[in-house]
PDB file of all heavy atoms in Angstrom:
ATOM      1  N   PRO A   1       0.815  -1.216   0.035  1.00  0.00           N
ATOM      2  CA  PRO A   1      -0.001   0.113  -0.001  1.00  0.00           C
ATOM      3  C   PRO A   1       0.886   1.299   0.042  1.00  0.00           C
ATOM      4  O   PRO A   1       1.970   1.289   0.574  1.00  0.00           O
ATOM      5  CB  PRO A   1      -0.776  -0.068   1.239  1.00  0.00           C
ATOM      6  CG  PRO A   1      -0.130  -1.014   2.093  1.00  0.00           C
ATOM      7  CD  PRO A   1       0.650  -1.973   1.219  1.00  0.00           C
ATOM      8  N   VAL A   2       0.425   2.221  -0.652  1.00  0.00           N
ATOM      9  CA  VAL A   2       1.056   3.601  -0.627  1.00  0.00           C
ATOM     10  C   VAL A   2       0.237   4.535   0.220  1.00  0.00           C
ATOM     11  O   VAL A   2      -0.809   4.906  -0.050  1.00  0.00           O
ATOM     12  CB  VAL A   2       1.143   4.199  -2.154  1.00  0.00           C
ATOM     13  CG1 VAL A   2       1.815   5.551  -2.208  1.00  0.00           C
ATOM     14  CG2 VAL A   2       1.801   3.270  -3.042  1.00  0.00           C
ATOM     15  N   LYS A   3       0.739   4.706   1.395  1.00  0.00           N
ATOM     16  CA  LYS A   3      -0.075   5.497   2.392  1.00  0.00           C
ATOM     17  C   LYS A   3       0.438   7.069   2.316  1.00  0.00           C
ATOM     18  O   LYS A   3       1.596   7.380   2.504  1.00  0.00           O
ATOM     19  CB  LYS A   3       0.438   5.021   3.716  1.00  0.00           C
ATOM     20  CG  LYS A   3       0.045   3.645   4.096  1.00  0.00           C
ATOM     21  CD  LYS A   3       0.372   3.097   5.458  1.00  0.00           C
ATOM     22  CE  LYS A   3      -0.170   1.770   5.720  1.00  0.00           C
ATOM     23  NZ  LYS A   3       0.240   1.298   7.001  1.00  0.00           N
ATOM     24  N   THR A   4      -0.481   7.888   1.787  1.00  0.00           N
ATOM     25  CA  THR A   4      -0.331   9.304   1.632  1.00  0.00           C
ATOM     26  C   THR A   4      -1.640   9.963   2.226  1.00  0.00           C
ATOM     27  O   THR A   4      -2.466   9.428   2.674  1.00  0.00           O
ATOM     28  CB  THR A   4      -0.243   9.653   0.107  1.00  0.00           C
ATOM     29  OG1 THR A   4      -1.539   9.342  -0.469  1.00  0.00           O
ATOM     30  CG2 THR A   4       0.941   8.832  -0.521  1.00  0.00           C
ATOM     31  N   ILE A   5      -1.542  11.325   2.083  1.00  0.00           N
ATOM     32  CA  ILE A   5      -2.629  12.118   2.578  1.00  0.00           C
ATOM     33  C   ILE A   5      -3.889  11.616   1.869  1.00  0.00           C
ATOM     34  O   ILE A   5      -4.924  11.587   2.415  1.00  0.00           O
ATOM     35  CB  ILE A   5      -2.297  13.616   2.369  1.00  0.00           C
ATOM     36  CG1 ILE A   5      -1.288  14.022   3.410  1.00  0.00           C
ATOM     37  CG2 ILE A   5      -3.543  14.441   2.443  1.00  0.00           C
ATOM     38  CD1 ILE A   5      -0.692  15.447   3.155  1.00  0.00           C
ATOM     39  N   GLY A   6      -3.695  11.478   0.519  1.00  0.00           N
ATOM     40  CA  GLY A   6      -4.939  11.085  -0.247  1.00  0.00           C
ATOM     41  C   GLY A   6      -5.482   9.730  -0.069  1.00  0.00           C
ATOM     42  O   GLY A   6      -6.614   9.318  -0.505  1.00  0.00           O
ATOM     43  N   SER A   7      -4.628   8.720   0.446  1.00  0.00           N
ATOM     44  CA  SER A   7      -5.091   7.377   0.449  1.00  0.00           C
ATOM     45  C   SER A   7      -5.319   6.921   1.964  1.00  0.00           C
ATOM     46  O   SER A   7      -5.903   5.918   2.130  1.00  0.00           O
ATOM     47  CB  SER A   7      -3.977   6.470  -0.160  1.00  0.00           C
ATOM     48  OG  SER A   7      -2.867   6.458   0.454  1.00  0.00           O
ATOM     49  N   PHE A   8      -4.675   7.491   2.925  1.00  0.00           N
ATOM     50  CA  PHE A   8      -4.543   6.986   4.212  1.00  0.00           C
ATOM     51  C   PHE A   8      -5.109   7.789   5.414  1.00  0.00           C
ATOM     52  O   PHE A   8      -5.610   7.345   6.343  1.00  0.00           O
ATOM     53  CB  PHE A   8      -3.106   6.514   4.505  1.00  0.00           C
ATOM     54  CG  PHE A   8      -2.891   5.741   5.889  1.00  0.00           C
ATOM     55  CD1 PHE A   8      -3.388   4.467   5.892  1.00  0.00           C
ATOM     56  CD2 PHE A   8      -2.324   6.364   6.772  1.00  0.00           C
ATOM     57  CE1 PHE A   8      -3.238   3.823   7.093  1.00  0.00           C
ATOM     58  CE2 PHE A   8      -1.986   5.612   7.956  1.00  0.00           C
ATOM     59  CZ  PHE A   8      -2.549   4.486   8.165  1.00  0.00           C
ATOM     60  N   TRP A   9      -4.937   9.175   5.260  1.00  0.00           N
ATOM     61  CA  TRP A   9      -5.258  10.058   6.341  1.00  0.00           C
ATOM     62  C   TRP A   9      -6.802  10.233   6.318  1.00  0.00           C
ATOM     63  O   TRP A   9      -7.263  10.896   5.422  1.00  0.00           O
ATOM     64  CB  TRP A   9      -4.497  11.346   6.235  1.00  0.00           C
ATOM     65  CG  TRP A   9      -3.088  11.251   6.455  1.00  0.00           C
ATOM     66  CD1 TRP A   9      -2.222  10.379   5.957  1.00  0.00           C
ATOM     67  CD2 TRP A   9      -2.286  12.224   7.212  1.00  0.00           C
ATOM     68  NE1 TRP A   9      -0.982  10.612   6.357  1.00  0.00           N
ATOM     69  CE2 TRP A   9      -0.853  11.818   7.167  1.00  0.00           C
ATOM     70  CE3 TRP A   9      -2.557  13.371   7.893  1.00  0.00           C
ATOM     71  CZ2 TRP A   9       0.119  12.353   7.791  1.00  0.00           C
ATOM     72  CZ3 TRP A   9      -1.459  13.979   8.532  1.00  0.00           C
ATOM     73  CH2 TRP A   9      -0.255  13.464   8.445  1.00  0.00           C
ATOM     74  N   PRO A  10      -7.434   9.797   7.283  1.00  0.00           N
ATOM     75  CA  PRO A  10      -8.868   9.922   7.369  1.00  0.00           C
ATOM     76  C   PRO A  10      -9.537  11.254   7.690  1.00  0.00           C
ATOM     77  O   PRO A  10     -10.685  11.441   7.366  1.00  0.00           O
ATOM     78  CB  PRO A  10      -9.379   8.881   8.484  1.00  0.00           C
ATOM     79  CG  PRO A  10      -8.220   8.910   9.428  1.00  0.00           C
ATOM     80  CD  PRO A  10      -6.992   9.148   8.534  1.00  0.00           C
ATOM     81  N   TYR A  11      -8.795  12.243   8.215  1.00  0.00           N
ATOM     82  CA  TYR A  11      -9.384  13.461   8.607  1.00  0.00           C
ATOM     83  C   TYR A  11      -8.486  14.557   8.086  1.00  0.00           C
ATOM     84  O   TYR A  11      -7.255  14.545   8.321  1.00  0.00           O
ATOM     85  CB  TYR A  11      -9.487  13.610  10.104  1.00  0.00           C
ATOM     86  CG  TYR A  11     -10.335  12.632  10.682  1.00  0.00           C
ATOM     87  CD1 TYR A  11      -9.813  11.631  11.411  1.00  0.00           C
ATOM     88  CD2 TYR A  11     -11.799  12.640  10.604  1.00  0.00           C
ATOM     89  CE1 TYR A  11     -10.584  10.620  11.929  1.00  0.00           C
ATOM     90  CE2 TYR A  11     -12.603  11.676  11.206  1.00  0.00           C
ATOM     91  CZ  TYR A  11     -11.989  10.611  11.866  1.00  0.00           C
ATOM     92  OH  TYR A  11     -12.759   9.608  12.539  1.00  0.00           O
ATOM     93  N   ALA A  12      -8.994  15.590   7.368  1.00  0.00           N
ATOM     94  CA  ALA A  12      -8.289  16.672   6.950  1.00  0.00           C
ATOM     95  C   ALA A  12      -7.725  17.601   7.979  1.00  0.00           C
ATOM     96  O   ALA A  12      -6.681  18.045   8.024  1.00  0.00           O
ATOM     97  CB  ALA A  12      -9.137  17.552   5.993  1.00  0.00           C
ATOM     98  N   THR A  13      -8.478  17.565   9.176  1.00  0.00           N
ATOM     99  CA  THR A  13      -7.924  18.212  10.416  1.00  0.00           C
ATOM    100  C   THR A  13      -6.631  17.674  10.877  1.00  0.00           C
ATOM    101  O   THR A  13      -5.813  18.388  11.541  1.00  0.00           O
ATOM    102  CB  THR A  13      -9.014  18.313  11.545  1.00  0.00           C
ATOM    103  OG1 THR A  13      -9.476  16.860  11.702  1.00  0.00           O
ATOM    104  CG2 THR A  13     -10.293  19.119  11.050  1.00  0.00           C
ATOM    105  N   THR A  14      -6.481  16.362  10.696  1.00  0.00           N
ATOM    106  CA  THR A  14      -5.268  15.803  11.083  1.00  0.00           C
ATOM    107  C   THR A  14      -4.064  16.339  10.431  1.00  0.00           C
ATOM    108  O   THR A  14      -2.920  16.376  10.914  1.00  0.00           O
ATOM    109  CB  THR A  14      -5.349  14.165  10.988  1.00  0.00           C
ATOM    110  OG1 THR A  14      -6.402  13.773  11.659  1.00  0.00           O
ATOM    111  CG2 THR A  14      -4.125  13.525  11.585  1.00  0.00           C
ATOM    112  N   ILE A  15      -4.247  16.582   9.126  1.00  0.00           N
ATOM    113  CA  ILE A  15      -3.105  17.093   8.298  1.00  0.00           C
ATOM    114  C   ILE A  15      -2.719  18.520   8.896  1.00  0.00           C
ATOM    115  O   ILE A  15      -1.549  18.826   9.210  1.00  0.00           O
ATOM    116  CB  ILE A  15      -3.665  17.391   6.825  1.00  0.00           C
ATOM    117  CG1 ILE A  15      -3.926  16.011   6.235  1.00  0.00           C
ATOM    118  CG2 ILE A  15      -2.502  18.084   5.968  1.00  0.00           C
ATOM    119  CD1 ILE A  15      -4.713  16.121   4.901  1.00  0.00           C
ATOM    120  N   TYR A  16      -3.765  19.332   9.259  1.00  0.00           N
ATOM    121  CA  TYR A  16      -3.535  20.615   9.745  1.00  0.00           C
ATOM    122  C   TYR A  16      -2.706  20.609  11.058  1.00  0.00           C
ATOM    123  O   TYR A  16      -1.726  21.139  11.284  1.00  0.00           O
ATOM    124  CB  TYR A  16      -4.729  21.367  10.136  1.00  0.00           C
ATOM    125  CG  TYR A  16      -4.513  22.814  10.670  1.00  0.00           C
ATOM    126  CD1 TYR A  16      -4.485  23.998   9.819  1.00  0.00           C
ATOM    127  CD2 TYR A  16      -4.245  22.984  11.925  1.00  0.00           C
ATOM    128  CE1 TYR A  16      -4.228  25.240  10.304  1.00  0.00           C
ATOM    129  CE2 TYR A  16      -4.020  24.198  12.414  1.00  0.00           C
ATOM    130  CZ  TYR A  16      -3.930  25.287  11.726  1.00  0.00           C
ATOM    131  OH  TYR A  16      -3.602  26.425  12.301  1.00  0.00           O
ATOM    132  N   ASP A  17      -3.213  19.613  11.918  1.00  0.00           N
ATOM    133  CA  ASP A  17      -2.698  19.419  13.286  1.00  0.00           C
ATOM    134  C   ASP A  17      -1.140  19.014  13.149  1.00  0.00           C
ATOM    135  O   ASP A  17      -0.288  19.683  13.782  1.00  0.00           O
ATOM    136  CB  ASP A  17      -3.415  18.308  13.962  1.00  0.00           C
ATOM    137  CG  ASP A  17      -2.853  18.121  15.325  1.00  0.00           C
ATOM    138  OD1 ASP A  17      -2.805  18.949  16.286  1.00  0.00           O
ATOM    139  OD2 ASP A  17      -2.376  16.885  15.572  1.00  0.00           O
ATOM    140  N   TYR A  18      -0.907  18.063  12.303  1.00  0.00           N
ATOM    141  CA  TYR A  18       0.443  17.468  12.205  1.00  0.00           C
ATOM    142  C   TYR A  18       1.391  18.655  11.618  1.00  0.00           C
ATOM    143  O   TYR A  18       2.519  18.896  12.105  1.00  0.00           O
ATOM    144  CB  TYR A  18       0.467  16.212  11.343  1.00  0.00           C
ATOM    145  CG  TYR A  18       1.887  15.686  11.164  1.00  0.00           C
ATOM    146  CD1 TYR A  18       2.543  15.012  12.323  1.00  0.00           C
ATOM    147  CD2 TYR A  18       2.764  15.954  10.096  1.00  0.00           C
ATOM    148  CE1 TYR A  18       3.688  14.486  12.243  1.00  0.00           C
ATOM    149  CE2 TYR A  18       3.950  15.366  10.043  1.00  0.00           C
ATOM    150  CZ  TYR A  18       4.512  14.736  11.070  1.00  0.00           C
ATOM    151  OH  TYR A  18       5.786  14.296  11.012  1.00  0.00           O
ATOM    152  N   VAL A  19       0.941  19.289  10.507  1.00  0.00           N
ATOM    153  CA  VAL A  19       1.686  20.256   9.895  1.00  0.00           C
ATOM    154  C   VAL A  19       2.177  21.449  10.848  1.00  0.00           C
ATOM    155  O   VAL A  19       3.268  21.929  11.083  1.00  0.00           O
ATOM    156  CB  VAL A  19       1.177  20.814   8.601  1.00  0.00           C
ATOM    157  CG1 VAL A  19       1.814  22.126   8.103  1.00  0.00           C
ATOM    158  CG2 VAL A  19       1.068  19.696   7.602  1.00  0.00           C
ATOM    159  N   TYR A  20       1.055  21.829  11.535  1.00  0.00           N
ATOM    160  CA  TYR A  20       1.190  22.927  12.584  1.00  0.00           C
ATOM    161  C   TYR A  20       2.163  22.612  13.680  1.00  0.00           C
ATOM    162  O   TYR A  20       2.951  23.499  14.135  1.00  0.00           O
ATOM    163  CB  TYR A  20      -0.144  23.340  13.054  1.00  0.00           C
ATOM    164  CG  TYR A  20      -0.325  24.711  13.732  1.00  0.00           C
ATOM    165  CD1 TYR A  20       0.082  25.807  13.146  1.00  0.00           C
ATOM    166  CD2 TYR A  20      -0.786  24.727  15.070  1.00  0.00           C
ATOM    167  CE1 TYR A  20      -0.012  27.076  13.775  1.00  0.00           C
ATOM    168  CE2 TYR A  20      -0.874  26.017  15.722  1.00  0.00           C
ATOM    169  CZ  TYR A  20      -0.492  27.189  15.119  1.00  0.00           C
ATOM    170  OH  TYR A  20      -0.589  28.340  15.749  1.00  0.00           O
ATOM    171  N   ARG A  21       2.052  21.438  14.247  1.00  0.00           N
ATOM    172  CA  ARG A  21       2.909  21.032  15.334  1.00  0.00           C
ATOM    173  C   ARG A  21       4.288  20.704  14.865  1.00  0.00           C
ATOM    174  O   ARG A  21       5.325  20.911  15.625  1.00  0.00           O
ATOM    175  CB  ARG A  21       2.274  19.842  16.089  1.00  0.00           C
ATOM    176  CG  ARG A  21       1.155  20.316  17.013  1.00  0.00           C
ATOM    177  CD  ARG A  21       0.569  19.081  17.765  1.00  0.00           C
ATOM    178  NE  ARG A  21       0.065  18.066  16.935  1.00  0.00           N
ATOM    179  CZ  ARG A  21       0.665  16.854  16.947  1.00  0.00           C
ATOM    180  NH1 ARG A  21       1.753  16.581  17.421  1.00  0.00           N
ATOM    181  NH2 ARG A  21       0.061  15.876  16.065  1.00  0.00           N
ATOM    182  N   ALA A  22       4.479  19.985  13.770  1.00  0.00           N
ATOM    183  CA  ALA A  22       5.754  19.231  13.452  1.00  0.00           C
ATOM    184  C   ALA A  22       6.472  19.654  12.380  1.00  0.00           C
ATOM    185  O   ALA A  22       7.607  19.321  12.157  1.00  0.00           O
ATOM    186  CB  ALA A  22       5.464  17.754  13.334  1.00  0.00           C
ATOM    187  N   MET A  23       5.912  20.578  11.427  1.00  0.00           N
ATOM    188  CA  MET A  23       6.676  20.879  10.219  1.00  0.00           C
ATOM    189  C   MET A  23       6.998  22.437  10.208  1.00  0.00           C
ATOM    190  O   MET A  23       6.309  23.201  10.789  1.00  0.00           O
ATOM    191  CB  MET A  23       5.779  20.675   9.061  1.00  0.00           C
ATOM    192  CG  MET A  23       5.571  19.047   8.837  1.00  0.00           C
ATOM    193  SD  MET A  23       7.100  18.376   8.230  1.00  0.00           S
ATOM    194  CE  MET A  23       7.239  16.944   9.406  1.00  0.00           C
ATOM    195  N   PRO A  24       7.730  22.823   9.350  1.00  0.00           N
ATOM    196  CA  PRO A  24       8.844  22.015   8.685  1.00  0.00           C
ATOM    197  C   PRO A  24       9.788  21.349   9.661  1.00  0.00           C
ATOM    198  O   PRO A  24      10.026  21.712  10.829  1.00  0.00           O
ATOM    199  CB  PRO A  24       9.579  23.015   7.760  1.00  0.00           C
ATOM    200  CG  PRO A  24       9.543  24.288   8.391  1.00  0.00           C
ATOM    201  CD  PRO A  24       8.160  24.289   9.234  1.00  0.00           C
ATOM    202  N   TYR A  25      10.404  20.284   9.086  1.00  0.00           N
ATOM    203  CA  TYR A  25      11.238  19.353  10.071  1.00  0.00           C
ATOM    204  C   TYR A  25      12.272  20.130  10.844  1.00  0.00           C
ATOM    205  O   TYR A  25      12.581  19.936  11.930  1.00  0.00           O
ATOM    206  CB  TYR A  25      11.814  18.259   9.171  1.00  0.00           C
ATOM    207  CG  TYR A  25      12.684  17.312   9.936  1.00  0.00           C
ATOM    208  CD1 TYR A  25      12.120  16.379  10.776  1.00  0.00           C
ATOM    209  CD2 TYR A  25      14.142  17.431   9.936  1.00  0.00           C
ATOM    210  CE1 TYR A  25      12.923  15.457  11.511  1.00  0.00           C
ATOM    211  CE2 TYR A  25      14.831  16.469  10.570  1.00  0.00           C
ATOM    212  CZ  TYR A  25      14.344  15.639  11.389  1.00  0.00           C
ATOM    213  OH  TYR A  25      15.128  14.761  12.141  1.00  0.00           O
ATOM    214  N   ASN A  26      12.965  21.161  10.048  1.00  0.00           N
ATOM    215  CA  ASN A  26      14.033  21.840  10.721  1.00  0.00           C
ATOM    216  C   ASN A  26      13.551  23.030  11.472  1.00  0.00           C
ATOM    217  O   ASN A  26      14.392  23.720  12.077  1.00  0.00           O
ATOM    218  CB  ASN A  26      14.990  22.349   9.585  1.00  0.00           C
ATOM    219  CG  ASN A  26      14.308  23.331   8.613  1.00  0.00           C
ATOM    220  OD1 ASN A  26      13.067  23.371   8.494  1.00  0.00           O
ATOM    221  ND2 ASN A  26      15.133  24.173   7.924  1.00  0.00           N
ATOM    222  N   ALA A  27      12.281  23.387  11.515  1.00  0.00           N
ATOM    223  CA  ALA A  27      11.656  24.469  12.391  1.00  0.00           C
ATOM    224  C   ALA A  27      10.461  24.132  12.788  1.00  0.00           C
ATOM    225  O   ALA A  27       9.491  24.955  12.323  1.00  0.00           O
ATOM    226  CB  ALA A  27      11.828  25.697  11.504  1.00  0.00           C
ATOM    227  N   PRO A  28      10.022  23.059  13.506  1.00  0.00           N
ATOM    228  CA  PRO A  28       8.707  22.758  13.930  1.00  0.00           C
ATOM    229  C   PRO A  28       8.070  24.095  14.676  1.00  0.00           C
ATOM    230  O   PRO A  28       8.683  24.782  15.405  1.00  0.00           O
ATOM    231  CB  PRO A  28       8.808  21.607  14.856  1.00  0.00           C
ATOM    232  CG  PRO A  28      10.271  21.528  15.195  1.00  0.00           C
ATOM    233  CD  PRO A  28      10.991  22.265  14.232  1.00  0.00           C
ATOM    234  N   GLN A  29       6.758  24.138  14.506  1.00  0.00           N
ATOM    235  CA  GLN A  29       5.908  25.139  15.185  1.00  0.00           C
ATOM    236  C   GLN A  29       6.364  26.621  14.645  1.00  0.00           C
ATOM    237  O   GLN A  29       5.994  27.513  15.342  1.00  0.00           O
ATOM    238  CB  GLN A  29       5.933  25.009  16.670  1.00  0.00           C
ATOM    239  CG  GLN A  29       5.345  23.794  17.199  1.00  0.00           C
ATOM    240  CD  GLN A  29       5.209  23.843  18.756  1.00  0.00           C
ATOM    241  OE1 GLN A  29       5.306  24.787  19.301  1.00  0.00           O
ATOM    242  NE2 GLN A  29       4.781  22.675  19.184  1.00  0.00           N
ATOM    243  N   SER A  30       6.967  26.763  13.514  1.00  0.00           N
ATOM    244  CA  SER A  30       7.324  28.120  13.013  1.00  0.00           C
ATOM    245  C   SER A  30       6.270  28.546  12.046  1.00  0.00           C
ATOM    246  O   SER A  30       6.368  29.637  11.655  1.00  0.00           O
ATOM    247  CB  SER A  30       8.751  27.892  12.383  1.00  0.00           C
ATOM    248  OG  SER A  30       8.647  27.085  11.246  1.00  0.00           O
ATOM    249  N   LEU A  31       5.222  27.619  11.598  1.00  0.00           N
ATOM    250  CA  LEU A  31       4.318  28.124  10.632  1.00  0.00           C
ATOM    251  C   LEU A  31       3.100  28.917  11.487  1.00  0.00           C
ATOM    252  O   LEU A  31       2.696  28.494  12.426  1.00  0.00           O
ATOM    253  CB  LEU A  31       3.704  26.995   9.877  1.00  0.00           C
ATOM    254  CG  LEU A  31       4.780  26.164   9.035  1.00  0.00           C
ATOM    255  CD1 LEU A  31       4.093  24.955   8.484  1.00  0.00           C
ATOM    256  CD2 LEU A  31       5.150  26.958   7.841  1.00  0.00           C
ATOM    257  N   SER A  32       2.596  29.853  10.731  1.00  0.00           N
ATOM    258  CA  SER A  32       1.496  30.627  11.296  1.00  0.00           C
ATOM    259  C   SER A  32       0.207  29.808  11.011  1.00  0.00           C
ATOM    260  O   SER A  32       0.253  28.863  10.120  1.00  0.00           O
ATOM    261  CB  SER A  32       1.384  32.017  10.670  1.00  0.00           C
ATOM    262  OG  SER A  32       1.009  31.875   9.317  1.00  0.00           O
ATOM    263  N   ALA A  33      -0.854  30.102  11.691  1.00  0.00           N
ATOM    264  CA  ALA A  33      -2.185  29.517  11.375  1.00  0.00           C
ATOM    265  C   ALA A  33      -2.505  29.677   9.913  1.00  0.00           C
ATOM    266  O   ALA A  33      -2.873  28.750   9.242  1.00  0.00           O
ATOM    267  CB  ALA A  33      -3.205  29.939  12.177  1.00  0.00           C
ATOM    268  N   ASN A  34      -2.274  30.915   9.433  1.00  0.00           N
ATOM    269  CA  ASN A  34      -2.650  31.066   7.889  1.00  0.00           C
ATOM    270  C   ASN A  34      -1.829  30.300   6.972  1.00  0.00           C
ATOM    271  O   ASN A  34      -2.315  29.694   6.003  1.00  0.00           O
ATOM    272  CB  ASN A  34      -2.477  32.534   7.579  1.00  0.00           C
ATOM    273  CG  ASN A  34      -3.484  33.364   8.206  1.00  0.00           C
ATOM    274  OD1 ASN A  34      -4.546  33.033   8.613  1.00  0.00           O
ATOM    275  ND2 ASN A  34      -3.163  34.769   8.322  1.00  0.00           N
ATOM    276  N   GLU A  35      -0.527  30.103   7.333  1.00  0.00           N
ATOM    277  CA  GLU A  35       0.354  29.396   6.435  1.00  0.00           C
ATOM    278  C   GLU A  35       0.007  27.863   6.494  1.00  0.00           C
ATOM    279  O   GLU A  35       0.013  27.128   5.437  1.00  0.00           O
ATOM    280  CB  GLU A  35       1.835  29.463   6.886  1.00  0.00           C
ATOM    281  CG  GLU A  35       2.379  30.850   6.619  1.00  0.00           C
ATOM    282  CD  GLU A  35       3.803  30.995   7.256  1.00  0.00           C
ATOM    283  OE1 GLU A  35       4.091  30.684   8.384  1.00  0.00           O
ATOM    284  OE2 GLU A  35       4.698  31.607   6.470  1.00  0.00           O
ATOM    285  N   THR A  36      -0.400  27.395   7.755  1.00  0.00           N
ATOM    286  CA  THR A  36      -0.771  25.933   7.867  1.00  0.00           C
ATOM    287  C   THR A  36      -2.147  25.730   7.136  1.00  0.00           C
ATOM    288  O   THR A  36      -2.277  24.615   6.510  1.00  0.00           O
ATOM    289  CB  THR A  36      -0.896  25.615   9.398  1.00  0.00           C
ATOM    290  OG1 THR A  36       0.244  26.045  10.016  1.00  0.00           O
ATOM    291  CG2 THR A  36      -1.160  24.176   9.452  1.00  0.00           C
ATOM    292  N   TYR A  37      -3.114  26.634   7.204  1.00  0.00           N
ATOM    293  CA  TYR A  37      -4.354  26.427   6.422  1.00  0.00           C
ATOM    294  C   TYR A  37      -4.050  26.351   4.844  1.00  0.00           C
ATOM    295  O   TYR A  37      -4.523  25.562   4.258  1.00  0.00           O
ATOM    296  CB  TYR A  37      -5.403  27.562   6.615  1.00  0.00           C
ATOM    297  CG  TYR A  37      -6.160  27.402   7.929  1.00  0.00           C
ATOM    298  CD1 TYR A  37      -5.991  28.357   8.951  1.00  0.00           C
ATOM    299  CD2 TYR A  37      -7.086  26.400   8.062  1.00  0.00           C
ATOM    300  CE1 TYR A  37      -6.672  28.325  10.154  1.00  0.00           C
ATOM    301  CE2 TYR A  37      -7.693  26.212   9.273  1.00  0.00           C
ATOM    302  CZ  TYR A  37      -7.617  27.156  10.343  1.00  0.00           C
ATOM    303  OH  TYR A  37      -8.407  27.056  11.403  1.00  0.00           O
ATOM    304  N   ALA A  38      -3.041  27.283   4.394  1.00  0.00           N
ATOM    305  CA  ALA A  38      -2.696  27.199   3.004  1.00  0.00           C
ATOM    306  C   ALA A  38      -1.986  26.013   2.633  1.00  0.00           C
ATOM    307  O   ALA A  38      -2.383  25.409   1.509  1.00  0.00           O
ATOM    308  CB  ALA A  38      -1.898  28.467   2.796  1.00  0.00           C
ATOM    309  N   LEU A  39      -1.059  25.488   3.426  1.00  0.00           N
ATOM    310  CA  LEU A  39      -0.375  24.248   3.117  1.00  0.00           C
ATOM    311  C   LEU A  39      -1.408  22.993   3.119  1.00  0.00           C
ATOM    312  O   LEU A  39      -1.282  22.228   2.143  1.00  0.00           O
ATOM    313  CB  LEU A  39       0.734  23.997   4.109  1.00  0.00           C
ATOM    314  CG  LEU A  39       2.003  24.891   3.759  1.00  0.00           C
ATOM    315  CD1 LEU A  39       2.949  24.796   4.945  1.00  0.00           C
ATOM    316  CD2 LEU A  39       2.661  24.495   2.605  1.00  0.00           C
ATOM    317  N   THR A  40      -2.302  22.996   4.035  1.00  0.00           N
ATOM    318  CA  THR A  40      -3.242  21.910   4.104  1.00  0.00           C
ATOM    319  C   THR A  40      -4.056  21.977   2.862  1.00  0.00           C
ATOM    320  O   THR A  40      -4.341  20.945   2.243  1.00  0.00           O
ATOM    321  CB  THR A  40      -4.034  22.034   5.410  1.00  0.00           C
ATOM    322  OG1 THR A  40      -3.387  22.063   6.472  1.00  0.00           O
ATOM    323  CG2 THR A  40      -5.099  20.981   5.478  1.00  0.00           C
ATOM    324  N   ALA A  41      -4.515  23.217   2.514  1.00  0.00           N
ATOM    325  CA  ALA A  41      -5.363  23.347   1.258  1.00  0.00           C
ATOM    326  C   ALA A  41      -4.679  22.837   0.058  1.00  0.00           C
ATOM    327  O   ALA A  41      -5.094  22.113  -0.842  1.00  0.00           O
ATOM    328  CB  ALA A  41      -5.718  24.779   1.060  1.00  0.00           C
ATOM    329  N   TYR A  42      -3.240  23.234  -0.024  1.00  0.00           N
ATOM    330  CA  TYR A  42      -2.539  22.757  -1.131  1.00  0.00           C
ATOM    331  C   TYR A  42      -2.230  21.270  -1.177  1.00  0.00           C
ATOM    332  O   TYR A  42      -2.456  20.581  -2.281  1.00  0.00           O
ATOM    333  CB  TYR A  42      -1.109  23.553  -1.225  1.00  0.00           C
ATOM    334  CG  TYR A  42      -0.364  23.220  -2.406  1.00  0.00           C
ATOM    335  CD1 TYR A  42      -0.694  23.567  -3.643  1.00  0.00           C
ATOM    336  CD2 TYR A  42       0.789  22.396  -2.261  1.00  0.00           C
ATOM    337  CE1 TYR A  42       0.018  23.271  -4.773  1.00  0.00           C
ATOM    338  CE2 TYR A  42       1.658  22.109  -3.436  1.00  0.00           C
ATOM    339  CZ  TYR A  42       1.264  22.621  -4.612  1.00  0.00           C
ATOM    340  OH  TYR A  42       1.982  22.257  -5.659  1.00  0.00           O
ATOM    341  N   LEU A  43      -2.036  20.700  -0.062  1.00  0.00           N
ATOM    342  CA  LEU A  43      -1.792  19.180   0.033  1.00  0.00           C
ATOM    343  C   LEU A  43      -3.151  18.456  -0.407  1.00  0.00           C
ATOM    344  O   LEU A  43      -3.051  17.449  -1.025  1.00  0.00           O
ATOM    345  CB  LEU A  43      -1.390  18.840   1.445  1.00  0.00           C
ATOM    346  CG  LEU A  43      -0.038  19.328   1.857  1.00  0.00           C
ATOM    347  CD1 LEU A  43       0.279  18.980   3.437  1.00  0.00           C
ATOM    348  CD2 LEU A  43       1.060  18.579   1.013  1.00  0.00           C
TER     349      LEU A  43
END
């Protein structure tokens, strides 16, 4: 199986939560709420 956002993640809110808390890898929690909404929309 290929586990990606489109195939495996059951809630879009989980994408927001993970990106907001843990990304980018070299600077976690550096994204604003607006940036995280935008990245979630793009993903």
